[in-house]
N, C-alpha and C. Protein backbone atom coordinates (compact mmCIF):
# COMPACT_ATOMS: atom_id res chain seq x y z
N UNK A 1 0.84 -1.19 0.00
CA UNK A 1 0.00 0.00 0.00
C UNK A 1 0.88 1.24 0.00
N UNK A 2 0.85 2.05 -1.06
CA UNK A 2 1.69 3.26 -1.09
C UNK A 2 1.17 4.32 -0.12
N UNK A 3 2.08 4.96 0.57
CA UNK A 3 1.73 6.00 1.53
C UNK A 3 2.22 7.34 1.02
N UNK A 4 1.42 8.34 1.24
CA UNK A 4 1.78 9.70 0.86
C UNK A 4 1.55 10.61 2.07
N UNK A 5 2.60 11.28 2.50
CA UNK A 5 2.54 12.14 3.68
C UNK A 5 2.61 13.59 3.20
N UNK A 6 1.55 14.33 3.41
CA UNK A 6 1.48 15.73 3.01
C UNK A 6 0.78 16.52 4.10
N UNK A 7 0.90 17.83 4.03
CA UNK A 7 0.20 18.73 4.94
C UNK A 7 -1.08 19.22 4.25
N UNK A 8 -2.19 19.09 4.96
CA UNK A 8 -3.48 19.49 4.40
C UNK A 8 -4.12 20.53 5.31
N UNK A 9 -4.99 21.33 4.71
CA UNK A 9 -5.73 22.32 5.48
C UNK A 9 -7.04 21.77 6.02
N UNK A 10 -7.50 20.67 5.48
CA UNK A 10 -8.77 20.10 5.90
C UNK A 10 -8.61 19.19 7.10
N UNK A 11 -9.63 18.39 7.37
CA UNK A 11 -9.57 17.45 8.49
C UNK A 11 -8.41 16.46 8.31
N UNK A 12 -7.75 16.17 9.40
CA UNK A 12 -6.58 15.30 9.33
C UNK A 12 -7.02 13.85 9.15
N UNK A 13 -6.18 13.07 8.47
CA UNK A 13 -6.45 11.65 8.29
C UNK A 13 -5.99 10.84 9.51
N UNK A 14 -4.88 11.24 10.10
CA UNK A 14 -4.38 10.56 11.29
C UNK A 14 -3.45 11.50 12.05
N UNK A 15 -3.45 11.36 13.34
CA UNK A 15 -2.52 12.11 14.18
C UNK A 15 -1.21 11.36 14.40
N UNK A 16 -1.13 10.15 13.89
CA UNK A 16 0.04 9.31 14.13
C UNK A 16 0.67 8.92 12.79
N UNK A 17 1.09 9.92 12.03
CA UNK A 17 1.69 9.64 10.72
C UNK A 17 2.97 8.81 10.82
N UNK A 18 3.90 9.12 11.75
CA UNK A 18 5.09 8.25 11.86
C UNK A 18 4.74 6.81 12.22
N UNK A 19 3.72 6.65 13.07
CA UNK A 19 3.30 5.30 13.44
C UNK A 19 2.66 4.58 12.26
N UNK A 20 1.97 5.32 11.41
CA UNK A 20 1.38 4.71 10.22
C UNK A 20 2.47 4.23 9.27
N UNK A 21 3.53 5.00 9.12
CA UNK A 21 4.65 4.59 8.27
C UNK A 21 5.34 3.36 8.86
N UNK A 22 5.50 3.35 10.18
CA UNK A 22 6.15 2.22 10.83
C UNK A 22 5.35 0.93 10.63
N UNK A 23 4.03 1.01 10.79
CA UNK A 23 3.21 -0.19 10.63
C UNK A 23 3.12 -0.60 9.17
N UNK A 24 3.20 0.35 8.25
CA UNK A 24 3.26 -0.02 6.84
C UNK A 24 4.55 -0.78 6.54
N UNK A 25 5.63 -0.37 7.18
CA UNK A 25 6.90 -1.10 7.04
C UNK A 25 6.79 -2.48 7.64
N UNK A 26 6.15 -2.59 8.80
CA UNK A 26 5.95 -3.90 9.41
C UNK A 26 5.14 -4.82 8.51
N UNK A 27 4.11 -4.27 7.89
CA UNK A 27 3.26 -5.09 7.04
C UNK A 27 3.98 -5.52 5.78
N UNK A 28 4.74 -4.62 5.18
CA UNK A 28 5.44 -4.94 3.93
C UNK A 28 6.51 -5.99 4.14
N UNK A 29 7.20 -5.92 5.29
CA UNK A 29 8.28 -6.86 5.58
C UNK A 29 7.85 -8.01 6.48
N UNK A 30 6.55 -8.09 6.77
CA UNK A 30 6.00 -9.18 7.57
C UNK A 30 6.74 -9.33 8.91
N UNK A 31 6.98 -8.20 9.55
CA UNK A 31 7.72 -8.20 10.81
C UNK A 31 6.91 -8.86 11.92
N UNK A 32 5.61 -8.59 11.95
CA UNK A 32 4.75 -9.10 13.03
C UNK A 32 4.06 -10.41 12.66
N UNK A 33 4.51 -11.07 11.60
CA UNK A 33 3.89 -12.33 11.18
C UNK A 33 4.01 -13.42 12.24
N UNK A 34 5.08 -13.49 13.06
CA UNK A 34 5.13 -14.54 14.09
C UNK A 34 3.98 -14.50 15.08
N UNK A 35 3.26 -13.38 15.19
CA UNK A 35 2.12 -13.33 16.09
C UNK A 35 0.99 -14.25 15.64
N UNK A 36 1.00 -14.66 14.38
CA UNK A 36 -0.02 -15.59 13.90
C UNK A 36 0.13 -16.97 14.51
N UNK A 37 1.26 -17.24 15.15
CA UNK A 37 1.48 -18.54 15.75
C UNK A 37 0.73 -18.71 17.06
N UNK A 38 0.23 -17.61 17.62
CA UNK A 38 -0.54 -17.69 18.86
C UNK A 38 -1.95 -18.17 18.50
N UNK A 39 -2.26 -19.40 18.86
CA UNK A 39 -3.53 -20.02 18.52
C UNK A 39 -4.52 -19.81 19.65
N UNK A 40 -5.59 -19.06 19.36
CA UNK A 40 -6.61 -18.77 20.36
C UNK A 40 -7.97 -19.19 19.82
N UNK A 41 -8.73 -19.90 20.64
CA UNK A 41 -10.05 -20.38 20.24
C UNK A 41 -11.08 -19.29 20.50
N UNK A 42 -11.07 -18.26 19.67
CA UNK A 42 -12.02 -17.16 19.80
C UNK A 42 -12.69 -16.95 18.44
N UNK A 43 -13.93 -16.51 18.49
CA UNK A 43 -14.66 -16.26 17.26
C UNK A 43 -14.08 -15.04 16.55
N UNK A 44 -13.89 -15.17 15.25
CA UNK A 44 -13.39 -14.07 14.45
C UNK A 44 -14.57 -13.34 13.82
N UNK A 45 -14.81 -12.15 14.27
CA UNK A 45 -15.85 -11.32 13.70
C UNK A 45 -15.26 -10.29 12.74
N UNK A 46 -14.55 -9.34 13.30
CA UNK A 46 -13.87 -8.34 12.47
C UNK A 46 -12.36 -8.51 12.50
N UNK A 47 -11.85 -9.02 13.62
CA UNK A 47 -10.40 -9.10 13.79
C UNK A 47 -10.03 -10.51 14.24
N UNK A 48 -8.90 -10.97 13.74
CA UNK A 48 -8.36 -12.22 14.22
C UNK A 48 -7.64 -11.99 15.55
N UNK A 49 -7.27 -13.07 16.20
CA UNK A 49 -6.55 -12.93 17.48
C UNK A 49 -5.21 -12.24 17.28
N UNK A 50 -4.53 -12.55 16.18
CA UNK A 50 -3.25 -11.91 15.91
C UNK A 50 -3.43 -10.42 15.62
N UNK A 51 -4.53 -10.05 14.95
CA UNK A 51 -4.79 -8.63 14.69
C UNK A 51 -5.02 -7.87 15.99
N UNK A 52 -5.68 -8.50 16.95
CA UNK A 52 -5.91 -7.85 18.23
C UNK A 52 -4.60 -7.67 18.99
N UNK A 53 -3.72 -8.65 18.90
CA UNK A 53 -2.41 -8.51 19.53
C UNK A 53 -1.60 -7.41 18.87
N UNK A 54 -1.72 -7.29 17.56
CA UNK A 54 -1.04 -6.19 16.85
C UNK A 54 -1.59 -4.84 17.30
N UNK A 55 -2.89 -4.77 17.54
CA UNK A 55 -3.47 -3.51 17.96
C UNK A 55 -3.09 -3.18 19.41
N UNK A 56 -2.85 -4.19 20.23
CA UNK A 56 -2.32 -3.93 21.57
C UNK A 56 -0.93 -3.31 21.46
N UNK A 57 -0.11 -3.86 20.58
CA UNK A 57 1.21 -3.26 20.33
C UNK A 57 1.06 -1.85 19.79
N UNK A 58 0.11 -1.64 18.91
CA UNK A 58 -0.12 -0.32 18.36
C UNK A 58 -0.50 0.68 19.44
N UNK A 59 -1.30 0.25 20.40
CA UNK A 59 -1.69 1.15 21.49
C UNK A 59 -0.49 1.53 22.35
N UNK A 60 0.42 0.60 22.58
CA UNK A 60 1.62 0.91 23.36
C UNK A 60 2.52 1.89 22.62
N UNK A 61 2.69 1.68 21.32
CA UNK A 61 3.52 2.59 20.53
C UNK A 61 2.89 3.96 20.39
N UNK A 62 1.56 4.03 20.51
CA UNK A 62 0.86 5.31 20.42
C UNK A 62 0.89 6.07 21.74
N UNK A 63 1.42 5.46 22.77
CA UNK A 63 1.55 6.15 24.05
C UNK A 63 0.41 5.91 25.01
N UNK A 64 -0.43 4.91 24.76
CA UNK A 64 -1.52 4.61 25.68
C UNK A 64 -0.95 3.93 26.92
N UNK A 65 -1.14 4.54 28.07
CA UNK A 65 -0.64 3.94 29.31
C UNK A 65 -1.43 2.70 29.68
N UNK A 66 -2.71 2.69 29.39
CA UNK A 66 -3.57 1.54 29.64
C UNK A 66 -4.48 1.34 28.44
N UNK A 67 -5.12 0.18 28.38
CA UNK A 67 -6.04 -0.09 27.27
C UNK A 67 -7.29 0.78 27.34
N UNK A 68 -7.58 1.35 28.49
CA UNK A 68 -8.75 2.21 28.61
C UNK A 68 -8.62 3.48 27.78
N UNK A 69 -7.40 3.82 27.37
CA UNK A 69 -7.19 5.03 26.56
C UNK A 69 -7.38 4.76 25.07
N UNK A 70 -7.58 3.50 24.70
CA UNK A 70 -7.71 3.17 23.28
C UNK A 70 -8.93 3.83 22.67
N UNK A 71 -10.06 3.82 23.38
CA UNK A 71 -11.30 4.37 22.82
C UNK A 71 -11.19 5.85 22.54
N UNK A 72 -10.50 6.59 23.39
CA UNK A 72 -10.41 8.04 23.21
C UNK A 72 -9.28 8.46 22.28
N UNK A 73 -8.22 7.66 22.18
CA UNK A 73 -7.05 8.08 21.41
C UNK A 73 -6.96 7.39 20.04
N UNK A 74 -7.32 6.12 19.98
CA UNK A 74 -7.11 5.37 18.73
C UNK A 74 -8.40 5.00 18.02
N UNK A 75 -9.50 4.91 18.72
CA UNK A 75 -10.73 4.48 18.08
C UNK A 75 -11.14 5.38 16.91
N UNK A 76 -10.97 6.71 16.97
CA UNK A 76 -11.32 7.56 15.81
C UNK A 76 -10.34 7.50 14.66
N UNK A 77 -9.21 6.79 14.82
CA UNK A 77 -8.15 6.79 13.80
C UNK A 77 -8.47 5.80 12.68
N UNK A 78 -9.36 6.20 11.78
CA UNK A 78 -9.73 5.34 10.65
C UNK A 78 -8.57 5.23 9.66
N UNK A 79 -7.89 6.35 9.42
CA UNK A 79 -6.76 6.33 8.48
C UNK A 79 -5.64 5.44 8.96
N UNK A 80 -5.39 5.43 10.26
CA UNK A 80 -4.35 4.56 10.81
C UNK A 80 -4.74 3.10 10.70
N UNK A 81 -6.02 2.82 10.86
CA UNK A 81 -6.49 1.43 10.75
C UNK A 81 -6.37 0.91 9.33
N UNK A 82 -6.59 1.76 8.35
CA UNK A 82 -6.56 1.31 6.96
C UNK A 82 -5.15 0.99 6.48
N UNK A 83 -4.14 1.44 7.21
CA UNK A 83 -2.76 1.09 6.84
C UNK A 83 -2.59 -0.43 6.88
N UNK A 84 -3.23 -1.09 7.87
CA UNK A 84 -3.11 -2.54 7.99
C UNK A 84 -4.27 -3.25 7.29
N UNK A 85 -5.16 -2.50 6.66
CA UNK A 85 -6.28 -3.11 5.96
C UNK A 85 -7.51 -3.30 6.81
N UNK A 86 -7.56 -2.68 7.99
CA UNK A 86 -8.73 -2.78 8.85
C UNK A 86 -9.68 -1.63 8.54
N UNK A 87 -10.97 -1.89 8.70
CA UNK A 87 -11.95 -0.83 8.53
C UNK A 87 -11.94 0.14 9.70
N UNK A 88 -11.62 -0.38 10.85
CA UNK A 88 -11.52 0.44 12.06
C UNK A 88 -10.64 -0.29 13.04
N UNK A 89 -10.40 0.34 14.17
CA UNK A 89 -9.63 -0.29 15.24
C UNK A 89 -10.58 -0.82 16.30
N UNK A 90 -10.19 -1.88 16.94
CA UNK A 90 -11.03 -2.49 17.97
C UNK A 90 -11.09 -1.60 19.20
N UNK A 91 -12.19 -1.71 19.96
CA UNK A 91 -12.31 -0.92 21.18
C UNK A 91 -11.56 -1.61 22.31
N UNK A 92 -11.46 -0.91 23.42
CA UNK A 92 -10.62 -1.40 24.51
C UNK A 92 -11.19 -2.67 25.14
N UNK A 93 -12.50 -2.82 25.17
CA UNK A 93 -13.09 -4.02 25.77
C UNK A 93 -12.74 -5.27 24.97
N UNK A 94 -12.70 -5.15 23.65
CA UNK A 94 -12.34 -6.29 22.81
C UNK A 94 -10.89 -6.69 23.05
N UNK A 95 -10.01 -5.71 23.14
CA UNK A 95 -8.60 -6.02 23.39
C UNK A 95 -8.40 -6.59 24.79
N UNK A 96 -9.14 -6.07 25.76
CA UNK A 96 -9.01 -6.57 27.13
C UNK A 96 -9.47 -8.02 27.23
N UNK A 97 -10.58 -8.35 26.58
CA UNK A 97 -11.06 -9.73 26.62
C UNK A 97 -10.08 -10.68 25.94
N UNK A 98 -9.40 -10.20 24.92
CA UNK A 98 -8.40 -11.04 24.24
C UNK A 98 -7.25 -11.36 25.17
N UNK A 99 -6.76 -10.36 25.89
CA UNK A 99 -5.65 -10.60 26.81
C UNK A 99 -6.08 -11.45 27.99
N UNK A 100 -7.31 -11.25 28.46
CA UNK A 100 -7.79 -12.05 29.58
C UNK A 100 -7.98 -13.52 29.19
N UNK A 101 -8.22 -13.78 27.92
CA UNK A 101 -8.47 -15.15 27.47
C UNK A 101 -7.19 -15.94 27.23
N UNK A 102 -6.04 -15.31 27.34
CA UNK A 102 -4.78 -16.01 27.10
C UNK A 102 -4.54 -17.05 28.19
N UNK A 103 -4.26 -18.26 27.79
CA UNK A 103 -3.89 -19.32 28.72
C UNK A 103 -2.37 -19.36 28.87
N UNK A 104 -1.90 -20.19 29.79
CA UNK A 104 -0.45 -20.30 29.98
C UNK A 104 0.24 -20.80 28.71
N UNK A 105 -0.40 -21.71 28.01
CA UNK A 105 0.17 -22.22 26.76
C UNK A 105 0.24 -21.12 25.71
N UNK A 106 -0.81 -20.31 25.62
CA UNK A 106 -0.82 -19.23 24.64
C UNK A 106 0.14 -18.11 25.02
N UNK A 107 0.33 -17.89 26.30
CA UNK A 107 1.32 -16.91 26.74
C UNK A 107 2.72 -17.36 26.34
N UNK A 108 2.98 -18.66 26.46
CA UNK A 108 4.27 -19.19 26.03
C UNK A 108 4.43 -19.04 24.51
N UNK A 109 3.35 -19.26 23.76
CA UNK A 109 3.41 -19.04 22.31
C UNK A 109 3.66 -17.57 21.99
N UNK A 110 3.05 -16.68 22.76
CA UNK A 110 3.28 -15.25 22.55
C UNK A 110 4.71 -14.88 22.88
N UNK A 111 5.26 -15.49 23.92
CA UNK A 111 6.66 -15.23 24.27
C UNK A 111 7.60 -15.70 23.16
N UNK A 112 7.32 -16.87 22.61
CA UNK A 112 8.14 -17.38 21.51
C UNK A 112 8.01 -16.50 20.26
N UNK A 113 6.82 -15.98 20.02
CA UNK A 113 6.62 -15.12 18.85
C UNK A 113 7.38 -13.81 18.99
N UNK A 114 7.29 -13.17 20.15
CA UNK A 114 8.01 -11.92 20.35
C UNK A 114 9.52 -12.14 20.34
N UNK A 115 9.95 -13.30 20.84
CA UNK A 115 11.39 -13.61 20.79
C UNK A 115 11.85 -13.76 19.34
N UNK A 116 11.03 -14.40 18.51
CA UNK A 116 11.39 -14.56 17.09
C UNK A 116 11.43 -13.20 16.39
N UNK A 117 10.59 -12.25 16.82
CA UNK A 117 10.57 -10.93 16.19
C UNK A 117 11.84 -10.17 16.51
N UNK A 118 12.21 -10.13 17.80
CA UNK A 118 13.38 -9.33 18.14
C UNK A 118 14.69 -9.98 17.70
N UNK A 119 14.71 -11.31 17.64
CA UNK A 119 15.93 -11.96 17.17
C UNK A 119 16.17 -11.70 15.69
N UNK A 120 15.10 -11.59 14.93
CA UNK A 120 15.26 -11.33 13.49
C UNK A 120 15.73 -9.92 13.21
N UNK A 121 15.58 -9.03 14.17
CA UNK A 121 15.96 -7.62 13.95
C UNK A 121 16.91 -7.11 15.03
N UNK A 122 17.56 -8.02 15.72
CA UNK A 122 18.44 -7.63 16.82
C UNK A 122 19.76 -7.07 16.31
N UNK A 123 20.16 -5.95 16.86
CA UNK A 123 21.46 -5.37 16.52
C UNK A 123 22.60 -6.08 17.27
N UNK A 124 22.23 -6.79 18.35
CA UNK A 124 23.26 -7.48 19.12
C UNK A 124 23.84 -8.65 18.32
N UNK A 125 23.01 -9.32 17.54
CA UNK A 125 23.49 -10.48 16.79
C UNK A 125 24.49 -10.10 15.72
N UNK A 126 24.40 -8.87 15.22
CA UNK A 126 25.34 -8.43 14.18
C UNK A 126 26.42 -7.53 14.76
N UNK A 127 26.52 -7.48 16.08
CA UNK A 127 27.51 -6.62 16.72
C UNK A 127 28.91 -7.19 16.54
N UNK A 128 29.87 -6.30 16.33
CA UNK A 128 31.27 -6.70 16.19
C UNK A 128 31.80 -7.08 17.58
N UNK A 129 32.06 -8.38 17.77
CA UNK A 129 32.48 -8.86 19.07
C UNK A 129 33.87 -8.38 19.48
N UNK A 130 34.60 -7.78 18.56
CA UNK A 130 35.93 -7.28 18.91
C UNK A 130 35.85 -5.98 19.72
N UNK A 131 34.70 -5.35 19.73
CA UNK A 131 34.53 -4.12 20.49
C UNK A 131 33.62 -4.33 21.68
N UNK A 132 33.41 -3.25 22.43
CA UNK A 132 32.55 -3.31 23.60
C UNK A 132 31.09 -3.27 23.20
N UNK A 133 30.26 -3.89 24.01
CA UNK A 133 28.81 -3.83 23.84
C UNK A 133 28.24 -3.09 25.04
N UNK A 134 27.75 -1.89 24.81
CA UNK A 134 27.25 -1.06 25.89
C UNK A 134 25.77 -1.32 26.10
N UNK A 135 25.39 -1.59 27.33
CA UNK A 135 24.01 -1.79 27.71
C UNK A 135 23.57 -0.64 28.59
N UNK A 136 22.50 0.03 28.22
CA UNK A 136 22.00 1.19 28.94
C UNK A 136 20.68 0.81 29.61
N UNK A 137 20.66 0.85 30.93
CA UNK A 137 19.46 0.51 31.69
C UNK A 137 18.88 1.76 32.33
N UNK A 138 17.58 1.88 32.29
CA UNK A 138 16.87 2.96 32.95
C UNK A 138 16.27 2.42 34.23
N UNK A 139 16.87 2.74 35.37
CA UNK A 139 16.44 2.21 36.66
C UNK A 139 15.56 3.19 37.43
N UNK A 140 15.08 4.23 36.77
CA UNK A 140 14.22 5.19 37.46
C UNK A 140 12.88 4.54 37.80
N UNK A 141 12.40 4.83 38.99
CA UNK A 141 11.16 4.25 39.45
C UNK A 141 9.95 4.89 38.81
N UNK A 142 8.90 4.12 38.68
CA UNK A 142 7.64 4.61 38.12
C UNK A 142 6.52 4.31 39.11
N UNK A 143 5.67 5.27 39.38
CA UNK A 143 4.55 5.01 40.31
C UNK A 143 3.55 4.05 39.69
N UNK A 144 2.96 3.22 40.53
CA UNK A 144 1.97 2.26 40.05
C UNK A 144 0.97 2.01 41.16
N UNK A 145 -0.05 1.28 40.83
CA UNK A 145 -1.10 0.96 41.79
C UNK A 145 -0.62 -0.11 42.76
N UNK A 146 -1.22 -0.14 43.94
CA UNK A 146 -0.86 -1.16 44.92
C UNK A 146 -1.29 -2.54 44.48
N UNK A 147 -2.26 -2.61 43.55
CA UNK A 147 -2.72 -3.90 43.03
C UNK A 147 -1.95 -4.35 41.80
N UNK A 148 -0.96 -3.57 41.35
CA UNK A 148 -0.20 -3.93 40.16
C UNK A 148 0.65 -5.17 40.44
N UNK A 149 0.83 -5.97 39.40
CA UNK A 149 1.59 -7.21 39.55
C UNK A 149 3.04 -6.90 39.89
N UNK A 150 3.56 -7.58 40.92
CA UNK A 150 4.94 -7.44 41.39
C UNK A 150 5.26 -6.01 41.81
N UNK A 151 4.26 -5.25 42.23
CA UNK A 151 4.52 -3.90 42.72
C UNK A 151 5.16 -3.97 44.10
N UNK A 152 6.05 -3.06 44.39
CA UNK A 152 6.77 -3.03 45.66
C UNK A 152 6.81 -1.60 46.17
N UNK A 153 6.87 -1.50 47.50
CA UNK A 153 7.03 -0.18 48.09
C UNK A 153 8.46 0.31 47.88
N UNK A 154 8.58 1.58 47.66
CA UNK A 154 9.90 2.15 47.44
C UNK A 154 9.86 3.65 47.64
N UNK A 155 10.88 4.31 47.18
CA UNK A 155 10.94 5.77 47.32
C UNK A 155 11.60 6.34 46.08
N UNK A 156 11.36 7.62 45.86
CA UNK A 156 11.98 8.35 44.77
C UNK A 156 12.99 9.33 45.38
N UNK A 157 14.18 9.29 44.87
CA UNK A 157 15.25 10.09 45.46
C UNK A 157 14.99 11.59 45.34
N UNK A 158 14.24 11.99 44.31
CA UNK A 158 14.02 13.42 44.11
C UNK A 158 12.71 13.90 44.72
N UNK A 159 11.97 12.99 45.39
CA UNK A 159 10.71 13.36 46.01
C UNK A 159 10.75 12.97 47.48
N UNK A 160 10.57 13.94 48.36
CA UNK A 160 10.60 13.71 49.78
C UNK A 160 9.18 13.50 50.30
N UNK A 161 9.02 12.51 51.15
CA UNK A 161 7.73 12.25 51.75
C UNK A 161 7.55 13.13 52.98
N UNK A 162 6.48 13.87 53.08
CA UNK A 162 6.26 14.69 54.27
C UNK A 162 6.19 13.82 55.51
N UNK A 163 6.69 14.30 56.65
CA UNK A 163 6.69 13.48 57.86
C UNK A 163 5.30 13.05 58.29
N UNK A 164 4.27 13.82 57.98
CA UNK A 164 2.93 13.48 58.42
C UNK A 164 2.13 12.77 57.33
N UNK A 165 2.80 12.28 56.27
CA UNK A 165 2.07 11.63 55.18
C UNK A 165 1.58 10.25 55.58
N UNK A 166 2.40 9.52 56.37
CA UNK A 166 2.05 8.16 56.74
C UNK A 166 1.40 8.06 58.11
N UNK A 167 1.75 8.99 59.00
CA UNK A 167 1.19 8.96 60.34
C UNK A 167 0.65 10.35 60.69
N UNK A 168 -0.45 10.75 60.08
CA UNK A 168 -0.97 12.10 60.31
C UNK A 168 -1.47 12.31 61.73
N UNK A 169 -1.75 11.23 62.47
CA UNK A 169 -2.29 11.40 63.81
C UNK A 169 -1.18 11.59 64.82
N UNK A 170 -0.08 10.87 64.65
CA UNK A 170 0.97 10.87 65.66
C UNK A 170 2.00 11.96 65.46
N UNK A 171 1.94 12.69 64.36
CA UNK A 171 2.91 13.75 64.10
C UNK A 171 2.18 15.07 63.99
N UNK A 172 2.59 16.03 64.80
CA UNK A 172 1.96 17.33 64.79
C UNK A 172 2.48 18.16 63.63
N UNK A 173 1.78 19.21 63.36
CA UNK A 173 2.19 20.11 62.29
C UNK A 173 3.48 20.80 62.64
N UNK A 174 4.21 21.21 61.64
CA UNK A 174 5.52 21.83 61.84
C UNK A 174 5.36 23.20 62.46
N UNK A 175 6.31 23.55 63.31
CA UNK A 175 6.34 24.89 63.90
C UNK A 175 7.64 25.56 63.52
N UNK A 176 7.59 26.82 63.22
CA UNK A 176 8.76 27.55 62.76
C UNK A 176 9.43 28.25 63.93
N UNK A 177 10.74 28.08 64.04
CA UNK A 177 11.50 28.76 65.08
C UNK A 177 11.92 30.14 64.59
N UNK A 178 12.41 30.93 65.49
CA UNK A 178 12.82 32.28 65.11
C UNK A 178 14.00 32.27 64.14
N UNK A 179 14.80 31.23 64.22
CA UNK A 179 15.95 31.16 63.34
C UNK A 179 15.55 30.87 61.90
N UNK A 180 14.28 30.54 61.68
CA UNK A 180 13.84 30.22 60.34
C UNK A 180 13.82 28.75 60.04
N UNK A 181 14.41 27.95 60.90
CA UNK A 181 14.41 26.52 60.70
C UNK A 181 13.07 25.91 61.14
N UNK A 182 12.81 24.74 60.66
CA UNK A 182 11.56 24.06 60.97
C UNK A 182 11.82 22.91 61.92
N UNK A 183 10.99 22.78 62.93
CA UNK A 183 11.15 21.68 63.88
C UNK A 183 9.79 21.06 64.12
N UNK A 184 9.80 19.85 64.69
CA UNK A 184 8.58 19.13 65.01
C UNK A 184 8.59 18.81 66.50
N UNK A 185 7.45 18.99 67.16
CA UNK A 185 7.34 18.68 68.57
C UNK A 185 7.42 17.17 68.78
N UNK A 186 8.19 16.74 69.80
CA UNK A 186 8.35 15.32 70.07
C UNK A 186 7.09 14.78 70.71
N UNK A 187 6.70 13.58 70.31
CA UNK A 187 5.50 12.93 70.82
C UNK A 187 5.87 11.52 71.25
N UNK A 188 5.47 11.14 72.42
CA UNK A 188 5.69 9.78 72.90
C UNK A 188 4.36 9.04 72.92
N UNK A 189 4.21 8.09 72.05
CA UNK A 189 2.98 7.31 71.99
C UNK A 189 3.11 6.12 72.93
N UNK A 190 2.26 6.00 73.97
CA UNK A 190 2.41 4.90 74.94
C UNK A 190 2.40 3.53 74.30
N UNK A 191 1.74 3.38 73.18
CA UNK A 191 1.62 2.05 72.58
C UNK A 191 2.92 1.56 71.98
N UNK A 192 3.83 2.48 71.65
CA UNK A 192 5.05 2.05 70.97
C UNK A 192 6.32 2.53 71.66
N UNK A 193 6.22 3.37 72.67
CA UNK A 193 7.39 3.92 73.35
C UNK A 193 7.38 3.45 74.79
N UNK A 194 8.49 2.92 75.28
CA UNK A 194 8.59 2.42 76.64
C UNK A 194 9.86 2.96 77.27
N UNK A 195 9.82 3.12 78.56
CA UNK A 195 11.02 3.53 79.27
C UNK A 195 11.95 2.35 79.45
N UNK A 196 13.16 2.61 79.92
CA UNK A 196 14.14 1.53 80.09
C UNK A 196 13.75 0.58 81.22
N UNK A 197 13.09 1.09 82.23
CA UNK A 197 12.72 0.25 83.36
C UNK A 197 11.49 -0.60 83.07
N UNK A 198 10.64 -0.14 82.19
CA UNK A 198 9.41 -0.88 81.93
C UNK A 198 9.72 -2.08 81.04
N UNK A 199 8.85 -3.05 81.14
CA UNK A 199 8.99 -4.26 80.35
C UNK A 199 8.03 -4.23 79.18
N UNK A 200 8.43 -4.90 78.13
CA UNK A 200 7.56 -4.98 76.96
C UNK A 200 6.34 -5.80 77.30
N UNK A 201 5.19 -5.43 76.82
CA UNK A 201 3.96 -6.19 77.09
C UNK A 201 4.01 -7.56 76.44
N UNK A 202 3.44 -8.51 77.11
CA UNK A 202 3.39 -9.86 76.59
C UNK A 202 2.22 -10.00 75.63
N UNK A 203 2.48 -10.75 74.58
CA UNK A 203 1.43 -11.01 73.61
C UNK A 203 0.69 -12.27 73.98
N UNK A 204 -0.59 -12.17 74.20
CA UNK A 204 -1.41 -13.30 74.59
C UNK A 204 -1.86 -14.08 73.37
């Protein structure tokens, strides 16, 4: 399918012209063809299971943080859908049901398919072993929900937690001294603070 990128004064065909070119390249060179190996027993109405997986990838490349953004950001993109030969893009509920229907066997097939894709286009495989191979990792933390898979408590080095954020009852508000410095009044909570002579309570 030939693509022509021009500036028009009328209504735009797509807001994701670079992404349309990228997916046209994928289609011409059959880059995402290994996704067809994922066999899912789902009824094909408008999209096959592989097409839905391609659209999940498309949503990630378009900057959708979650599938819930597909309806507002990608659903109106008719021109982007026609690059792959679709009449339209699937809504977020269709994509969500597809991912929820994946079994462990199909997840393994998806893993093998994505591995075949990156191995066919890996720059590491053609790297000159006589030189160094630099690996750049981004270890910056990202906030997530407490229900997210493998989520852990942590901290951000550039963001300080206020002292009363976690214990608003036991920490009083800050008071300013004449010197301009900030201090907090000391509080001894009987439930957690004991003197040296007292004994720790026994747990029954």
